Each structure stands twice: as structure tokens, then as C-alpha cells.
Amino acid sequence: MRKIVFFLTIILFLTISFPAFAQPDWPEEKKKVVLEIDEVVDHDYFAVGESVTISGVVNGDVFVGAGSIFVDGQINGDLIAGAGTITLVGEVSQDVRVGGGTVSIQGVVGQNVTVAGGNISITKDAFIGGNVLAMGGNVETLGVISKDFQAYGGKVLLGGNIGRDVLGEMGELVIVPKITIAGDLTYKSPHEVYFQNESTVAGEIAYTQSEKKVSSEIDWKPNLKSVVSMSQNKGFSRVKKNFKVFGFMIVFILGLVFMKVFPQGTMKVVKTLENQSWLSLGVGIVVPFLFIIGVVLLMISIIGIPLGLLLMPIFGFIVYFSKIFTALFVGRKVLLSLNMNERRGWALFAGLLVFCLLKLVPVVGFFSGLAFTFFGLGALVLYQKSIYRPAKAKRKRVPKK
């Protein structure tokens, strides 16, 4: 149920945001995007559509947002993607950072994999050259993982050899026969794992019992405190970094989607921020307070309670992702200062990178996070207002019959 509410909230968020970006001269978007088997792309590849198929060769990074993604070609860079269904049959020479409802990795990944989803499967034909961080309702690995494997989910099944350590927290851990864990096994679960015949752990086994969920639904979301605690004990200091990378990936992919689907609207919000920077900041600070007051007044009546409860998560998404516009604004400034050609994808990446670097600085990180959010939110509201004001004036000029 929580997953359904989560995805419905995202859909509602995009629906509410639609009027702010809608333009009559949009280019018609392709529903099915295909990179054919004989095609070669010698730069970074961006794609958004109902379905995206990559059968050719990309000599660069791939950024994709779609309903379904199928990769059976070769990517000589990173794969960063978000979709309902993701299937990787081909080869990715560097990192894979993906999120989706169902994720199936059946091919070769040269370096690390970070994946979140409802059902995650690393099949017996898969080969991962680096580390794997998997977060999902059901996580299954049958292929070879050369280095560390970290898993947080409802049910985790280990059916392939692990080159180093295994770390995780799960509702149930299953280890199939005849697999080898070359390092340590550190895990937290309601029940201790039963080792099948001929399964071996070369290092130490550290088991911590967790409370069993009363509900039949397993909460697959990782407990960040326990993750960090185990990371410190076992030297997995990169866990926090992986969480930050995944958050960066989600915001980056959504930014690419906005720029692809709403190209004019997105850049006009950025232009508003450029022309009315301080006004955007002021509006961005005031709007959350006005929203809170409005929701409180709305929820005074019984009829308004459901609407208030519905509006809160939608507004939360808008506030959280408003940093996209500020990141674009900052990224453009960075590229121009370096005398680089303006490419919106790289501008977004540069802006988000600046944001992440500022977040690492004590005290400064807190205020920079607020600034990125308030500037972007204010610019979005001002742009929305600039759209509705001419439309309202036009309606007033129409004579009544």
C-alpha cells in the first residue's frame, strides 16, 4: 500500500506541475525510443520515452527515464536510469545506478552497481566487476559479484559467488547450496540464516537479531542508523556515500526528464531565477508558510481533511525537487565561467555537484540546502504566476454575451 501511495504521489506531483511548464509549441515526444543495433553514439546519450531500447553502442554515459528500459547493446560509460521496468542484457563498462519497480541485470557490468526497486534480480549469467548495493522488496543474486555485496530488503537470496564481504539487513536471508563468500558475512535479520550444503564463508559471520515485523508486509527500506553502524564496524564507510549518490541520481534523472519533456518551461523558470533572483528567494521563503496556514485552515473542516492530507506530500515533492532549477542556474554560471559550451545536461550535473560539495561543509551545508530550495521554489511560483496573469487578463477582455 505504501508503495502505491508513493507512486501515486509522484504522478499527482507531475500533474500539478504540468500547468507551469505546458507550452503550445512543444515538440511531439516519441513514445518509443530505439537506438538500433548498427548505431554508434560517440558522446553521452540522453533518452526519455514510454519505452527506451538501447541495442547499439554508446561511447559515453547513458541517462534514461522511461516506463520500460531494455539494454542489450554496449555502453562504454555509466548507466543512470529510472523506470518501471529495467532489463540489462548487454554490457556496461563502468557503473550502473538505476531505480525501478522491477530491475533485472543479466549482462556484464565493469564496475559498481547501485540499484533500488520492488524486485531486483542479478541472474546467473550476470557478472559484476565491482561492488553491489541493492535495496528492494525482493533481492536475488545468482551471478558473480567480484567485490562487496550490500543488500537491504524484505527477502534476500544469495545464489552466486561473492568476491569479498556481504553486509545487509533483511526480513529473510536465504543462501543456496554450493556458493562461496570470500570475505565476512555481517547481517541483521529476525532469523539466523540456515547454511545449505557446501556453502562456505571464508571470513567471520556476525549476526544481529532484529525485531520481527508484526505486519505481513516487510518494510524493505533500510534503517540508515543500523547501516551506518555496521558500516563503521566493518569498514564500509562508503555506504553513506552510496545513499548520497542514489539521491543525486534520482534528482538528476528527474531534471533530465523535465528538460526533455518541458524544455521551454524549465528554462523559463531558470530565466526567471536569473532575472529576479532576490524576489525568487523571498517568494520561496514565504510560500511554505502560506501553504501550512492554508492546509491548517482547510483541515478544520472534515471535508477538507482528505484534500489537505493529499496536498501535503505533493507540496513536499515540489519543494524537494525545486532545487533542480537552482542547480541549472548555478551550473550554467559554472560552465560560462569556464568558457565551456552550454549543454543543459552538463549544466544540471555541474549545479548538483556544487550543491553536494556545499552540503559537505558544516553549517554552510545546511544553509546552502535551504538556499537552493527557496530560490528554485520562488522562481517556479513566479513563473507560474506570469503564465496565469495574461490568461486571466485575456478572459476579462472577452465580452460577455
Protein backbone atom coordinates (compact mmCIF):
# COMPACT_ATOMS: atom_id res chain seq x y z
CA MET A 1 0.00 0.00 0.00
CA ARG A 2 2.78 2.45 0.87
CA LYS A 3 4.44 1.82 -2.50
CA ILE A 4 1.16 2.54 -4.31
CA VAL A 5 0.70 5.80 -2.38
CA PHE A 6 4.30 6.76 -3.15
CA PHE A 7 3.96 6.31 -6.91
CA LEU A 8 0.52 7.96 -6.99
CA THR A 9 2.03 10.95 -5.21
CA ILE A 10 4.73 11.25 -7.88
CA ILE A 11 2.07 11.12 -10.60
CA LEU A 12 0.00 13.78 -8.84
CA PHE A 13 3.12 15.91 -8.38
CA LEU A 14 3.81 15.85 -12.11
CA THR A 15 0.13 16.58 -12.83
CA ILE A 16 0.07 19.60 -10.52
CA SER A 17 3.36 20.85 -12.01
CA PHE A 18 2.12 20.44 -15.60
CA PRO A 19 0.48 23.90 -16.00
CA ALA A 20 3.73 25.62 -15.04
CA PHE A 21 5.57 24.05 -17.98
CA ALA A 22 2.91 23.49 -20.65
CA GLN A 23 3.67 25.32 -23.88
CA PRO A 24 1.60 25.21 -27.09
CA ASP A 25 4.68 24.76 -29.29
CA TRP A 26 6.07 21.62 -27.66
CA PRO A 27 7.80 19.18 -29.98
CA GLU A 28 5.89 15.91 -30.12
CA GLU A 29 7.76 13.38 -27.98
CA LYS A 30 8.47 9.89 -29.19
CA LYS A 31 6.73 7.19 -27.22
CA LYS A 32 9.26 4.54 -28.25
CA VAL A 33 12.93 5.47 -28.41
CA VAL A 34 15.25 2.93 -30.06
CA LEU A 35 19.00 3.05 -30.58
CA GLU A 36 19.38 0.47 -33.34
CA ILE A 37 21.98 -2.30 -33.26
CA ASP A 38 24.06 -0.69 -36.03
CA GLU A 39 24.08 2.79 -34.48
CA VAL A 40 27.11 4.23 -32.65
CA VAL A 41 26.92 7.30 -30.40
CA ASP A 42 30.27 8.94 -29.63
CA HIS A 43 29.03 11.13 -26.77
CA ASP A 44 26.73 10.97 -23.76
CA TYR A 45 23.27 9.68 -24.59
CA PHE A 46 20.02 11.09 -23.13
CA ALA A 47 16.63 9.47 -23.71
CA VAL A 48 13.10 9.87 -22.34
CA GLY A 49 10.05 7.96 -23.56
CA GLU A 50 7.36 5.44 -22.87
CA SER A 51 9.93 2.77 -23.66
CA VAL A 52 13.64 3.03 -24.43
CA THR A 53 15.68 0.29 -26.14
CA ILE A 54 19.46 0.56 -26.47
CA SER A 55 20.83 -2.06 -28.86
CA GLY A 56 23.69 -0.05 -30.33
CA VAL A 57 26.98 1.25 -28.93
CA VAL A 58 27.31 4.37 -26.74
CA ASN A 59 30.83 5.68 -26.18
CA GLY A 60 29.85 7.75 -23.16
CA ASP A 61 27.40 7.81 -20.27
CA VAL A 62 23.70 6.97 -20.69
CA PHE A 63 20.91 8.82 -18.86
CA VAL A 64 17.42 7.41 -19.33
CA GLY A 65 13.97 7.95 -17.84
CA ALA A 66 11.10 5.81 -19.18
CA GLY A 67 8.26 3.42 -18.45
CA SER A 68 10.44 0.49 -19.51
CA ILE A 69 14.13 0.27 -20.42
CA PHE A 70 15.83 -2.58 -22.29
CA VAL A 71 19.58 -2.56 -22.87
CA ASP A 72 21.16 -5.27 -25.00
CA GLY A 73 23.86 -3.11 -26.57
CA GLN A 74 27.17 -1.82 -25.23
CA ILE A 75 27.63 1.25 -23.03
CA ASN A 76 31.23 2.38 -22.65
CA GLY A 77 30.48 4.56 -19.64
CA ASP A 78 27.90 4.73 -16.83
CA LEU A 79 24.22 3.79 -17.00
CA ILE A 80 21.98 6.06 -14.90
CA ALA A 81 18.31 5.24 -15.29
CA GLY A 82 14.88 5.25 -13.69
CA ALA A 83 11.89 3.27 -14.99
CA GLY A 84 9.06 0.93 -14.11
CA THR A 85 10.97 -1.99 -15.63
CA ILE A 86 14.69 -2.11 -16.35
CA THR A 87 16.38 -5.04 -18.12
CA LEU A 88 20.12 -5.06 -18.74
CA VAL A 89 21.25 -7.86 -21.06
CA GLY A 90 24.19 -6.10 -22.69
CA GLU A 91 27.40 -4.66 -21.28
CA VAL A 92 28.15 -1.53 -19.23
CA SER A 93 31.86 -0.86 -18.88
CA GLN A 94 31.61 1.36 -15.79
CA ASP A 95 28.92 1.96 -13.11
CA VAL A 96 25.20 1.20 -13.10
CA ARG A 97 22.93 3.43 -10.96
CA VAL A 98 19.28 2.54 -11.51
CA GLY A 99 15.91 2.57 -9.78
CA GLY A 100 12.68 0.89 -10.87
CA GLY A 101 9.76 -1.33 -9.99
CA THR A 102 11.45 -4.41 -11.46
CA VAL A 103 15.17 -4.48 -12.23
CA SER A 104 16.86 -7.42 -13.94
CA ILE A 105 20.64 -7.44 -14.55
CA GLN A 106 21.59 -10.27 -16.88
CA GLY A 107 24.69 -8.86 -18.57
CA VAL A 108 28.16 -7.58 -17.65
CA VAL A 109 28.91 -4.53 -15.51
CA GLY A 110 32.55 -3.48 -15.36
CA GLN A 111 32.43 -1.61 -12.05
CA ASN A 112 29.81 -0.92 -9.35
CA VAL A 113 26.03 -1.37 -9.23
CA THR A 114 23.65 0.72 -7.11
CA VAL A 115 20.04 -0.36 -7.52
CA ALA A 116 16.72 0.25 -5.75
CA GLY A 117 13.39 -1.34 -6.67
CA GLY A 118 10.49 -3.57 -5.77
CA ASN A 119 12.05 -6.70 -7.27
CA ILE A 120 15.76 -6.89 -8.04
CA SER A 121 17.36 -9.82 -9.84
CA ILE A 122 21.00 -10.38 -10.75
CA THR A 123 20.71 -13.52 -12.87
CA LYS A 124 23.14 -16.44 -13.20
CA ASP A 125 24.51 -15.02 -16.47
CA ALA A 126 25.44 -11.69 -14.88
CA PHE A 127 28.96 -10.62 -13.97
CA ILE A 128 29.62 -7.57 -11.76
CA GLY A 129 33.22 -6.37 -11.69
CA GLY A 130 32.85 -4.17 -8.60
CA ASN A 131 30.55 -3.69 -5.58
CA VAL A 132 26.77 -4.05 -5.42
CA LEU A 133 24.38 -2.03 -3.23
CA ALA A 134 20.80 -3.32 -3.59
CA MET A 135 17.68 -2.01 -1.82
CA GLY A 136 14.35 -3.64 -2.62
CA GLY A 137 11.37 -5.71 -1.59
CA ASN A 138 12.93 -8.87 -3.02
CA VAL A 139 16.62 -9.10 -3.90
CA GLU A 140 18.02 -12.11 -5.73
CA THR A 141 21.60 -12.59 -6.88
CA LEU A 142 22.63 -15.68 -8.83
CA GLY A 143 25.54 -14.26 -10.80
CA VAL A 144 29.14 -13.43 -9.88
CA ILE A 145 29.91 -10.33 -7.80
CA SER A 146 33.64 -9.65 -7.73
CA LYS A 147 33.75 -7.41 -4.64
CA ASP A 148 31.35 -6.46 -1.81
CA PHE A 149 27.62 -7.12 -1.77
CA GLN A 150 25.30 -4.98 0.39
CA ALA A 151 21.59 -5.75 0.45
CA TYR A 152 18.62 -4.28 2.33
CA GLY A 153 15.24 -5.79 1.61
CA GLY A 154 12.31 -7.94 2.60
CA LYS A 155 13.81 -11.15 1.26
CA VAL A 156 17.40 -11.54 0.06
CA LEU A 157 18.56 -14.67 -1.75
CA LEU A 158 22.26 -15.33 -2.30
CA GLY A 159 22.78 -17.80 -5.12
CA GLY A 160 26.06 -16.66 -6.65
CA ASN A 161 29.67 -16.33 -5.54
CA ILE A 162 30.71 -13.12 -3.73
CA GLY A 163 34.33 -11.98 -4.12
CA ARG A 164 34.57 -10.16 -0.77
CA ASP A 165 32.21 -9.22 2.09
CA VAL A 166 28.43 -9.41 2.44
CA LEU A 167 26.61 -6.81 4.54
CA GLY A 168 22.89 -6.26 4.96
CA GLU A 169 19.62 -6.03 6.81
CA MET A 170 16.62 -8.02 5.67
CA GLY A 171 13.42 -9.75 6.71
CA GLU A 172 14.75 -13.09 5.47
CA LEU A 173 18.15 -14.22 4.21
CA VAL A 174 18.45 -17.38 2.10
CA ILE A 175 21.77 -18.88 0.98
CA VAL A 176 21.54 -21.59 -1.67
CA PRO A 177 23.91 -24.59 -1.82
CA LYS A 178 27.43 -24.50 -3.27
CA ILE A 179 28.15 -20.77 -3.13
CA THR A 180 31.23 -19.08 -1.70
CA ILE A 181 31.51 -15.80 0.20
CA ALA A 182 35.20 -14.95 0.08
CA GLY A 183 35.03 -12.40 2.93
CA ASP A 184 32.87 -11.74 6.01
CA LEU A 185 29.11 -12.11 6.38
CA THR A 186 27.54 -9.35 8.53
CA TYR A 187 23.77 -9.18 8.60
CA LYS A 188 20.72 -8.25 10.67
CA SER A 189 17.51 -10.28 10.41
CA PRO A 190 14.73 -11.71 12.61
CA HIS A 191 16.10 -15.24 11.99
CA GLU A 192 19.59 -16.61 11.62
CA VAL A 193 20.37 -17.98 8.18
CA TYR A 194 20.46 -21.73 7.54
CA PHE A 195 23.51 -22.73 5.51
CA GLN A 196 22.89 -25.20 2.74
CA ASN A 197 25.33 -27.99 1.92
CA GLU A 198 28.74 -26.97 0.60
CA SER A 199 28.11 -23.22 1.09
CA THR A 200 31.12 -21.54 2.65
CA VAL A 201 32.03 -18.22 4.26
CA ALA A 202 35.78 -17.66 4.28
CA GLY A 203 35.73 -14.85 6.86
CA GLU A 204 33.77 -14.17 10.05
CA ILE A 205 29.99 -14.39 10.48
CA ALA A 206 28.35 -11.63 12.55
CA TYR A 207 24.59 -11.99 13.11
CA THR A 208 22.35 -9.45 14.87
CA GLN A 209 18.75 -10.36 15.58
CA SER A 210 16.17 -7.75 14.64
CA GLU A 211 12.55 -7.50 15.70
CA LYS A 212 10.10 -9.34 13.52
CA LYS A 213 7.54 -7.14 11.81
CA VAL A 214 4.01 -7.51 13.15
CA SER A 215 2.56 -6.63 9.75
CA SER A 216 2.68 -9.20 6.99
CA GLU A 217 4.26 -6.57 4.76
CA ILE A 218 8.03 -6.40 5.16
CA ASP A 219 9.46 -2.91 5.37
CA TRP A 220 12.29 -3.16 2.89
CA LYS A 221 13.57 0.37 3.48
CA PRO A 222 17.00 0.23 5.13
CA ASN A 223 17.45 1.56 8.63
CA LEU A 224 20.02 4.26 8.00
CA LYS A 225 21.28 4.23 11.58
CA SER A 226 21.95 0.50 11.51
CA VAL A 227 23.54 0.75 8.08
CA VAL A 228 25.98 3.40 9.28
CA SER A 229 26.67 1.46 12.49
CA MET A 230 27.51 -1.74 10.66
CA SER A 231 29.49 0.20 8.10
CA GLN A 232 31.75 1.62 10.78
CA ASN A 233 32.24 -1.79 12.39
CA LYS A 234 33.12 -3.47 9.10
CA GLY A 235 34.87 -0.63 7.34
CA PHE A 236 32.00 0.06 4.92
CA SER A 237 32.37 3.83 5.13
CA ARG A 238 31.14 4.13 1.54
CA VAL A 239 27.56 3.19 2.48
CA LYS A 240 26.64 6.79 3.25
CA LYS A 241 28.29 7.86 0.03
CA ASN A 242 26.18 5.36 -1.92
CA PHE A 243 22.98 6.72 -0.38
CA LYS A 244 24.02 10.24 -1.40
CA VAL A 245 24.90 9.05 -4.90
CA PHE A 246 21.49 7.42 -5.27
CA GLY A 247 19.74 10.62 -4.14
CA PHE A 248 21.88 12.61 -6.59
CA MET A 249 20.92 10.16 -9.34
CA ILE A 250 17.16 10.50 -8.69
CA VAL A 251 17.24 14.32 -8.75
CA PHE A 252 19.48 14.30 -11.82
CA ILE A 253 17.24 11.92 -13.77
CA LEU A 254 14.12 13.91 -12.89
CA GLY A 255 15.90 17.07 -14.01
CA LEU A 256 16.72 15.43 -17.35
CA VAL A 257 13.09 14.37 -17.71
CA PHE A 258 11.90 17.94 -17.05
CA MET A 259 14.36 19.36 -19.60
CA LYS A 260 13.31 16.78 -22.21
CA VAL A 261 9.54 16.89 -21.72
CA PHE A 262 9.22 20.56 -20.68
CA PRO A 263 12.24 22.20 -22.39
CA GLN A 264 10.84 25.73 -22.67
CA GLY A 265 9.10 25.79 -19.30
CA THR A 266 12.14 24.50 -17.42
CA MET A 267 14.49 27.05 -18.93
CA LYS A 268 11.99 29.88 -18.43
CA VAL A 269 11.90 29.09 -14.71
CA VAL A 270 15.71 29.29 -14.73
CA LYS A 271 15.49 32.59 -16.64
CA THR A 272 13.07 33.90 -14.01
CA LEU A 273 15.59 32.97 -11.33
CA GLU A 274 18.31 34.79 -13.27
CA ASN A 275 16.27 37.99 -13.73
CA GLN A 276 14.54 38.05 -10.34
CA SER A 277 16.95 36.26 -8.02
CA TRP A 278 16.21 38.02 -4.74
CA LEU A 279 12.48 38.17 -5.37
CA SER A 280 12.59 34.41 -6.05
CA LEU A 281 14.32 33.87 -2.71
CA GLY A 282 11.73 35.95 -0.85
CA VAL A 283 8.80 34.20 -2.50
CA GLY A 284 10.41 30.81 -1.88
CA ILE A 285 10.68 31.55 1.85
CA VAL A 286 7.10 32.83 2.16
CA VAL A 287 5.29 30.14 0.13
CA PRO A 288 5.85 27.20 2.60
CA PHE A 289 4.40 29.28 5.46
CA LEU A 290 1.37 30.25 3.39
CA PHE A 291 0.90 26.61 2.40
CA ILE A 292 0.98 25.47 6.03
CA ILE A 293 -1.58 28.10 7.02
CA GLY A 294 -3.79 27.15 4.08
CA VAL A 295 -3.66 23.42 4.89
CA VAL A 296 -4.47 24.08 8.58
CA LEU A 297 -7.49 26.17 7.60
CA LEU A 298 -8.54 23.54 5.09
CA MET A 299 -8.32 20.70 7.60
CA ILE A 300 -10.50 22.50 10.13
CA SER A 301 -13.47 21.15 8.20
CA ILE A 302 -13.98 17.39 7.99
CA ILE A 303 -14.44 17.60 4.22
CA GLY A 304 -11.10 19.33 3.82
CA ILE A 305 -9.05 16.74 5.75
CA PRO A 306 -8.56 14.26 2.84
CA LEU A 307 -7.64 17.09 0.48
CA GLY A 308 -5.17 18.51 2.99
CA LEU A 309 -3.55 15.12 3.53
CA LEU A 310 -3.28 14.69 -0.25
CA LEU A 311 -1.75 18.13 -0.85
CA MET A 312 1.00 17.77 1.78
CA PRO A 313 3.08 15.05 0.05
CA ILE A 314 2.56 16.73 -3.33
CA PHE A 315 3.88 20.01 -1.99
CA GLY A 316 6.72 18.12 -0.33
CA PHE A 317 7.82 16.72 -3.70
CA ILE A 318 7.60 20.16 -5.31
CA VAL A 319 9.73 21.69 -2.55
CA TYR A 320 12.28 18.87 -2.63
CA PHE A 321 12.77 18.88 -6.40
CA SER A 322 12.71 22.68 -6.80
CA LYS A 323 16.48 22.58 -6.26
CA ILE A 324 16.67 21.33 -9.88
CA PHE A 325 16.06 24.86 -11.18
CA THR A 326 18.66 26.40 -8.88
CA ALA A 327 21.16 23.71 -9.87
CA LEU A 328 20.57 24.50 -13.55
CA PHE A 329 21.07 28.20 -12.85
CA VAL A 330 24.30 27.60 -10.91
CA GLY A 331 25.55 25.01 -13.41
CA ARG A 332 25.11 27.42 -16.33
CA LYS A 333 27.14 30.03 -14.47
CA VAL A 334 29.88 27.48 -13.78
CA LEU A 335 30.11 26.40 -17.43
CA LEU A 336 30.17 30.00 -18.65
CA SER A 337 32.91 30.90 -16.15
CA LEU A 338 35.00 28.03 -17.56
CA ASN A 339 34.34 29.19 -21.15
CA MET A 340 32.58 25.92 -21.91
CA ASN A 341 29.72 25.50 -24.35
CA GLU A 342 26.40 25.43 -22.56
CA ARG A 343 24.91 21.93 -22.53
CA ARG A 344 21.91 21.63 -20.29
CA GLY A 345 22.67 18.11 -19.11
CA TRP A 346 26.17 19.08 -18.04
CA ALA A 347 24.87 22.32 -16.52
CA LEU A 348 22.47 20.34 -14.33
CA PHE A 349 25.25 17.93 -13.37
CA ALA A 350 27.63 20.79 -12.51
CA GLY A 351 24.97 22.58 -10.45
CA LEU A 352 24.07 19.46 -8.47
CA LEU A 353 27.77 18.75 -7.94
CA VAL A 354 28.22 22.24 -6.46
CA PHE A 355 25.18 21.60 -4.25
CA CYS A 356 26.63 18.29 -2.99
CA LEU A 357 30.04 19.84 -2.30
CA LEU A 358 28.46 22.67 -0.31
CA LYS A 359 26.43 20.13 1.69
CA LEU A 360 29.70 18.60 2.90
CA VAL A 361 30.69 21.83 4.69
CA PRO A 362 29.38 22.06 8.30
CA VAL A 363 26.77 24.81 8.85
CA VAL A 364 27.26 26.07 5.27
CA GLY A 365 25.73 22.83 4.01
CA PHE A 366 22.50 23.42 5.92
CA PHE A 367 22.01 26.97 4.68
CA SER A 368 23.05 26.14 1.12
CA GLY A 369 20.40 23.41 1.06
CA LEU A 370 17.75 25.92 2.13
CA ALA A 371 19.00 28.47 -0.40
CA PHE A 372 18.89 26.01 -3.33
CA THR A 373 15.34 25.03 -2.36
CA PHE A 374 13.96 28.52 -1.72
CA PHE A 375 15.47 30.08 -4.85
CA GLY A 376 14.07 27.30 -7.07
CA LEU A 377 10.65 27.23 -5.41
CA GLY A 378 10.29 31.01 -5.64
CA ALA A 379 11.26 31.07 -9.33
CA LEU A 380 8.74 28.30 -10.06
CA VAL A 381 5.93 30.22 -8.32
CA LEU A 382 6.83 33.48 -10.09
CA TYR A 383 6.87 31.75 -13.47
CA GLN A 384 3.53 30.10 -12.77
CA LYS A 385 2.11 33.49 -11.87
CA SER A 386 3.46 35.00 -15.10
CA ILE A 387 1.53 32.35 -17.06
CA TYR A 388 -1.79 32.72 -15.28
CA ARG A 389 -1.83 36.55 -15.18
CA PRO A 390 -2.02 37.06 -19.02
CA ALA A 391 -4.54 34.23 -19.31
CA LYS A 392 -6.73 35.84 -16.65
CA ALA A 393 -6.48 39.27 -18.32
CA LYS A 394 -7.44 37.74 -21.67
CA ARG A 395 -10.54 36.15 -20.15
CA LYS A 396 -11.57 39.54 -18.73
CA ARG A 397 -11.29 41.17 -22.16
CA VAL A 398 -13.69 38.68 -23.72
CA PRO A 399 -17.11 40.44 -23.87
CA LYS A 400 -19.98 38.71 -22.21
CA LYS A 401 -22.81 37.67 -24.46
